[in-house]
Amino acid sequence: MAPTILDKTKYKAAFLWMLQSLKKIEGTEKAAKLFYFLDFDYYEAYEVSFTGEVYVSCSKGPYPYYFEAIVEEMEAEGLICRDYMQKEPEDERETVTYSPVGTLDYRWIAQESSMLDRIVKKYGTVDEKDLEDLSRSQTPYYAVELGEIVPYVFSFYRGTSDLTSNSGEEIVA
């Protein structure tokens, strides 16, 4: 198995796709889990990571190692906006809301755009806690210890259905 290489441009374009499709994403963990499902579903279908991200096993499920750094870059580049808000007055914790601001011209092949659409449709309306629970119930998470890298090859033990489309044509989003 070849090591994955982070594709920052593709990563940013994928985040913008999800944000533009959903209008916003509430919660860092939700955004992180959308990337987990994107990368691991894509790997299960095509045997290659979508973004090249590295996932670490954390208490709330697999977490993308480079996520925060890429979000900071995207904010500095004027591609996204992060807002912080309190959901409940008695709760001191703030929730981060990510919104799209800019665009990237990225050429997707059909299987990539199909997978992005699938992730948005299947997981986009699921709340943060349910996505955490789902990710923690899967083999890639519980097959490693906390703090360890979650190997993509474990995606084959999930048995996810409806992962592929048959087209490899290039499209522009």
C-alpha atoms as a PDB file:
ATOM      1  CA  MET A   1       0.000   0.000   0.000  1.00  0.00           C
ATOM      2  CA  ALA A   2       1.471   3.330  -1.093  1.00  0.00           C
ATOM      3  CA  PRO A   3       1.541   6.150   1.451  1.00  0.00           C
ATOM      4  CA  THR A   4      -1.055   8.868   0.982  1.00  0.00           C
ATOM      5  CA  ILE A   5       0.027  12.362   0.058  1.00  0.00           C
ATOM      6  CA  LEU A   6      -2.039  15.320   1.205  1.00  0.00           C
ATOM      7  CA  ASP A   7      -3.576  17.198  -1.721  1.00  0.00           C
ATOM      8  CA  LYS A   8      -4.271  20.605  -0.145  1.00  0.00           C
ATOM      9  CA  THR A   9      -5.934  22.092  -3.211  1.00  0.00           C
ATOM     10  CA  LYS A  10      -8.306  19.152  -3.544  1.00  0.00           C
ATOM     11  CA  TYR A  11      -8.930  19.215   0.213  1.00  0.00           C
ATOM     12  CA  LYS A  12      -9.886  22.886   0.076  1.00  0.00           C
ATOM     13  CA  ALA A  13     -12.076  22.368  -2.987  1.00  0.00           C
ATOM     14  CA  ALA A  14     -13.837  19.444  -1.271  1.00  0.00           C
ATOM     15  CA  PHE A  15     -14.511  21.522   1.838  1.00  0.00           C
ATOM     16  CA  LEU A  16     -15.905  24.337  -0.306  1.00  0.00           C
ATOM     17  CA  TRP A  17     -18.097  21.831  -2.197  1.00  0.00           C
ATOM     18  CA  MET A  18     -19.546  20.567   1.077  1.00  0.00           C
ATOM     19  CA  LEU A  19     -20.006  24.088   2.459  1.00  0.00           C
ATOM     20  CA  GLN A  20     -21.651  25.371  -0.708  1.00  0.00           C
ATOM     21  CA  SER A  21     -23.950  22.350  -0.841  1.00  0.00           C
ATOM     22  CA  LEU A  22     -24.947  22.614   2.824  1.00  0.00           C
ATOM     23  CA  LYS A  23     -24.725  26.461   3.051  1.00  0.00           C
ATOM     24  CA  LYS A  24     -22.810  26.043   6.341  1.00  0.00           C
ATOM     25  CA  ILE A  25     -21.464  23.355   8.668  1.00  0.00           C
ATOM     26  CA  GLU A  26     -22.004  23.745  12.401  1.00  0.00           C
ATOM     27  CA  GLY A  27     -19.269  22.229  14.526  1.00  0.00           C
ATOM     28  CA  THR A  28     -15.647  21.291  14.020  1.00  0.00           C
ATOM     29  CA  GLU A  29     -16.363  17.650  14.815  1.00  0.00           C
ATOM     30  CA  LYS A  30     -19.096  17.516  12.181  1.00  0.00           C
ATOM     31  CA  ALA A  31     -16.769  18.959   9.547  1.00  0.00           C
ATOM     32  CA  ALA A  32     -14.045  16.514  10.631  1.00  0.00           C
ATOM     33  CA  LYS A  33     -16.433  13.558  10.392  1.00  0.00           C
ATOM     34  CA  LEU A  34     -17.594  14.599   6.922  1.00  0.00           C
ATOM     35  CA  PHE A  35     -13.957  14.404   5.824  1.00  0.00           C
ATOM     36  CA  TYR A  36     -13.530  11.037   7.546  1.00  0.00           C
ATOM     37  CA  PHE A  37     -16.506   9.597   5.677  1.00  0.00           C
ATOM     38  CA  LEU A  38     -15.373  11.207   2.422  1.00  0.00           C
ATOM     39  CA  ASP A  39     -11.871   9.753   2.640  1.00  0.00           C
ATOM     40  CA  PHE A  40     -12.774   6.328   4.016  1.00  0.00           C
ATOM     41  CA  ASP A  41     -15.797   5.803   1.750  1.00  0.00           C
ATOM     42  CA  TYR A  42     -13.706   6.832  -1.244  1.00  0.00           C
ATOM     43  CA  TYR A  43     -10.891   4.516  -0.187  1.00  0.00           C
ATOM     44  CA  GLU A  44     -13.313   1.635   0.288  1.00  0.00           C
ATOM     45  CA  ALA A  45     -14.676   2.238  -3.215  1.00  0.00           C
ATOM     46  CA  TYR A  46     -11.496   3.083  -5.154  1.00  0.00           C
ATOM     47  CA  GLU A  47      -8.538   2.050  -2.944  1.00  0.00           C
ATOM     48  CA  VAL A  48      -7.158   5.579  -2.778  1.00  0.00           C
ATOM     49  CA  SER A  49      -7.781   8.399  -0.315  1.00  0.00           C
ATOM     50  CA  PHE A  50      -9.803  11.349  -1.581  1.00  0.00           C
ATOM     51  CA  THR A  51      -7.711  14.081   0.099  1.00  0.00           C
ATOM     52  CA  GLY A  52      -4.619  12.255   1.361  1.00  0.00           C
ATOM     53  CA  GLU A  53      -5.478  13.303   4.933  1.00  0.00           C
ATOM     54  CA  VAL A  54      -4.094  11.363   7.915  1.00  0.00           C
ATOM     55  CA  TYR A  55      -6.646  10.391  10.583  1.00  0.00           C
ATOM     56  CA  VAL A  56      -5.814   9.980  14.252  1.00  0.00           C
ATOM     57  CA  SER A  57      -7.975   8.017  16.675  1.00  0.00           C
ATOM     58  CA  CYS A  58      -9.407  10.458  19.250  1.00  0.00           C
ATOM     59  CA  SER A  59     -12.104  10.099  21.893  1.00  0.00           C
ATOM     60  CA  LYS A  60     -14.756  11.537  19.540  1.00  0.00           C
ATOM     61  CA  GLY A  61     -13.728   9.331  16.613  1.00  0.00           C
ATOM     62  CA  PRO A  62     -11.178   9.597  13.805  1.00  0.00           C
ATOM     63  CA  TYR A  63      -9.912  13.164  13.459  1.00  0.00           C
ATOM     64  CA  PRO A  64      -8.168  14.673  10.403  1.00  0.00           C
ATOM     65  CA  TYR A  65      -4.636  15.672  11.410  1.00  0.00           C
ATOM     66  CA  TYR A  66      -4.275  18.589   8.962  1.00  0.00           C
ATOM     67  CA  PHE A  67      -7.828  19.918   9.218  1.00  0.00           C
ATOM     68  CA  GLU A  68      -7.169  22.904  11.497  1.00  0.00           C
ATOM     69  CA  ALA A  69      -4.133  24.087   9.520  1.00  0.00           C
ATOM     70  CA  ILE A  70      -6.034  23.886   6.237  1.00  0.00           C
ATOM     71  CA  VAL A  71      -9.044  25.708   7.704  1.00  0.00           C
ATOM     72  CA  GLU A  72      -6.723  28.498   8.890  1.00  0.00           C
ATOM     73  CA  GLU A  73      -5.217  28.761   5.392  1.00  0.00           C
ATOM     74  CA  MET A  74      -8.656  28.849   3.801  1.00  0.00           C
ATOM     75  CA  GLU A  75      -9.793  31.586   6.151  1.00  0.00           C
ATOM     76  CA  ALA A  76      -6.633  33.625   5.446  1.00  0.00           C
ATOM     77  CA  GLU A  77      -7.205  33.143   1.689  1.00  0.00           C
ATOM     78  CA  GLY A  78     -10.781  34.433   1.992  1.00  0.00           C
ATOM     79  CA  LEU A  79     -12.332  31.111   0.985  1.00  0.00           C
ATOM     80  CA  ILE A  80     -14.280  30.426   4.181  1.00  0.00           C
ATOM     81  CA  CYS A  81     -15.540  32.218   7.250  1.00  0.00           C
ATOM     82  CA  ARG A  82     -15.526  30.794  10.775  1.00  0.00           C
ATOM     83  CA  ASP A  83     -18.074  32.160  13.218  1.00  0.00           C
ATOM     84  CA  TYR A  84     -18.176  31.301  16.898  1.00  0.00           C
ATOM     85  CA  MET A  85     -21.434  31.164  18.792  1.00  0.00           C
ATOM     86  CA  GLN A  86     -22.930  29.815  21.975  1.00  0.00           C
ATOM     87  CA  LYS A  87     -25.846  27.472  21.323  1.00  0.00           C
ATOM     88  CA  GLU A  88     -27.225  27.780  24.841  1.00  0.00           C
ATOM     89  CA  PRO A  89     -26.760  30.785  27.181  1.00  0.00           C
ATOM     90  CA  GLU A  90     -25.848  28.488  30.090  1.00  0.00           C
ATOM     91  CA  ASP A  91     -23.301  26.567  28.001  1.00  0.00           C
ATOM     92  CA  GLU A  92     -19.890  28.272  28.007  1.00  0.00           C
ATOM     93  CA  ARG A  93     -18.603  26.276  25.027  1.00  0.00           C
ATOM     94  CA  GLU A  94     -18.670  27.914  21.631  1.00  0.00           C
ATOM     95  CA  THR A  95     -19.696  26.173  18.449  1.00  0.00           C
ATOM     96  CA  VAL A  96     -17.776  26.925  15.271  1.00  0.00           C
ATOM     97  CA  THR A  97     -19.815  27.498  12.130  1.00  0.00           C
ATOM     98  CA  TYR A  98     -18.038  27.260   8.776  1.00  0.00           C
ATOM     99  CA  SER A  99     -19.471  29.150   5.791  1.00  0.00           C
ATOM    100  CA  PRO A 100     -18.250  29.433   2.200  1.00  0.00           C
ATOM    101  CA  VAL A 101     -17.021  32.844   1.064  1.00  0.00           C
ATOM    102  CA  GLY A 102     -14.866  32.218  -2.006  1.00  0.00           C
ATOM    103  CA  THR A 103     -14.568  29.613  -4.738  1.00  0.00           C
ATOM    104  CA  LEU A 104     -11.891  27.406  -6.226  1.00  0.00           C
ATOM    105  CA  ASP A 105     -11.788  26.271  -9.827  1.00  0.00           C
ATOM    106  CA  TYR A 106     -11.155  22.560  -9.461  1.00  0.00           C
ATOM    107  CA  ARG A 107     -11.680  19.875 -12.106  1.00  0.00           C
ATOM    108  CA  TRP A 108     -13.440  16.878 -10.585  1.00  0.00           C
ATOM    109  CA  ILE A 109     -13.747  13.514 -12.255  1.00  0.00           C
ATOM    110  CA  ALA A 110     -17.253  12.066 -12.117  1.00  0.00           C
ATOM    111  CA  GLN A 111     -16.478   9.535  -9.375  1.00  0.00           C
ATOM    112  CA  GLU A 112     -15.152  12.346  -7.157  1.00  0.00           C
ATOM    113  CA  SER A 113     -18.145  14.639  -7.635  1.00  0.00           C
ATOM    114  CA  SER A 114     -20.448  11.656  -7.177  1.00  0.00           C
ATOM    115  CA  MET A 115     -18.769  10.801  -3.869  1.00  0.00           C
ATOM    116  CA  LEU A 116     -18.940  14.416  -2.685  1.00  0.00           C
ATOM    117  CA  ASP A 117     -22.654  14.493  -3.494  1.00  0.00           C
ATOM    118  CA  ARG A 118     -23.126  11.177  -1.705  1.00  0.00           C
ATOM    119  CA  ILE A 119     -21.375  12.434   1.456  1.00  0.00           C
ATOM    120  CA  VAL A 120     -23.454  15.634   1.505  1.00  0.00           C
ATOM    121  CA  LYS A 121     -26.720  13.740   0.957  1.00  0.00           C
ATOM    122  CA  LYS A 122     -26.006  10.877   3.344  1.00  0.00           C
ATOM    123  CA  TYR A 123     -24.247  12.689   6.200  1.00  0.00           C
ATOM    124  CA  GLY A 124     -24.828  16.429   5.673  1.00  0.00           C
ATOM    125  CA  THR A 125     -28.015  16.614   7.730  1.00  0.00           C
ATOM    126  CA  VAL A 126     -26.822  14.228  10.450  1.00  0.00           C
ATOM    127  CA  ASP A 127     -25.913  16.024  13.660  1.00  0.00           C
ATOM    128  CA  GLU A 128     -22.399  16.148  15.063  1.00  0.00           C
ATOM    129  CA  LYS A 129     -23.001  13.677  17.915  1.00  0.00           C
ATOM    130  CA  ASP A 130     -24.587  11.058  15.645  1.00  0.00           C
ATOM    131  CA  LEU A 131     -21.664  11.336  13.210  1.00  0.00           C
ATOM    132  CA  GLU A 132     -19.247  10.860  16.122  1.00  0.00           C
ATOM    133  CA  ASP A 133     -21.145   7.786  17.298  1.00  0.00           C
ATOM    134  CA  LEU A 134     -21.268   6.334  13.795  1.00  0.00           C
ATOM    135  CA  SER A 135     -17.541   6.868  13.198  1.00  0.00           C
ATOM    136  CA  ARG A 136     -16.677   5.307  16.574  1.00  0.00           C
ATOM    137  CA  SER A 137     -18.794   2.241  15.783  1.00  0.00           C
ATOM    138  CA  GLN A 138     -16.730   1.379  12.697  1.00  0.00           C
ATOM    139  CA  THR A 139     -13.743  -0.955  12.439  1.00  0.00           C
ATOM    140  CA  PRO A 140     -11.214   1.726  11.410  1.00  0.00           C
ATOM    141  CA  TYR A 141     -11.767   3.481  14.754  1.00  0.00           C
ATOM    142  CA  TYR A 142     -11.973   0.630  17.204  1.00  0.00           C
ATOM    143  CA  ALA A 143      -9.174  -1.393  15.577  1.00  0.00           C
ATOM    144  CA  VAL A 144      -6.534   1.073  16.822  1.00  0.00           C
ATOM    145  CA  GLU A 145      -5.656   2.646  20.166  1.00  0.00           C
ATOM    146  CA  LEU A 146      -6.400   6.280  20.973  1.00  0.00           C
ATOM    147  CA  GLY A 147      -3.750   8.569  19.508  1.00  0.00           C
ATOM    148  CA  GLU A 148      -2.775   6.120  16.765  1.00  0.00           C
ATOM    149  CA  ILE A 149      -3.095   6.718  13.035  1.00  0.00           C
ATOM    150  CA  VAL A 150      -6.185   5.055  11.567  1.00  0.00           C
ATOM    151  CA  PRO A 151      -5.101   3.012   8.510  1.00  0.00           C
ATOM    152  CA  TYR A 152      -7.218   3.430   5.376  1.00  0.00           C
ATOM    153  CA  VAL A 153      -7.053  -0.299   4.702  1.00  0.00           C
ATOM    154  CA  PHE A 154      -9.462  -0.835   7.624  1.00  0.00           C
ATOM    155  CA  SER A 155     -12.169   0.812   5.508  1.00  0.00           C
ATOM    156  CA  PHE A 156     -12.639  -2.551   3.778  1.00  0.00           C
ATOM    157  CA  TYR A 157     -14.089  -3.978   6.998  1.00  0.00           C
ATOM    158  CA  ARG A 158     -16.979  -1.503   7.085  1.00  0.00           C
ATOM    159  CA  GLY A 159     -19.085  -3.008   4.280  1.00  0.00           C
ATOM    160  CA  THR A 160     -20.479   0.331   3.122  1.00  0.00           C
ATOM    161  CA  SER A 161     -23.080   0.085   0.354  1.00  0.00           C
ATOM    162  CA  ASP A 162     -23.716   2.293  -2.693  1.00  0.00           C
ATOM    163  CA  LEU A 163     -20.203   3.675  -2.946  1.00  0.00           C
ATOM    164  CA  THR A 164     -19.424   3.760  -6.638  1.00  0.00           C
ATOM    165  CA  SER A 165     -20.593   5.203  -9.897  1.00  0.00           C
ATOM    166  CA  ASN A 166     -19.413   3.773 -13.179  1.00  0.00           C
ATOM    167  CA  SER A 167     -18.265   6.980 -14.830  1.00  0.00           C
ATOM    168  CA  GLY A 168     -14.696   8.279 -14.915  1.00  0.00           C
ATOM    169  CA  GLU A 169     -15.400  11.351 -17.032  1.00  0.00           C
ATOM    170  CA  GLU A 170     -14.008  14.704 -15.988  1.00  0.00           C
ATOM    171  CA  ILE A 171     -16.443  17.427 -15.034  1.00  0.00           C
ATOM    172  CA  VAL A 172     -16.072  20.957 -13.713  1.00  0.00           C
ATOM    173  CA  ALA A 173     -17.836  22.003 -10.534  1.00  0.00           C
END
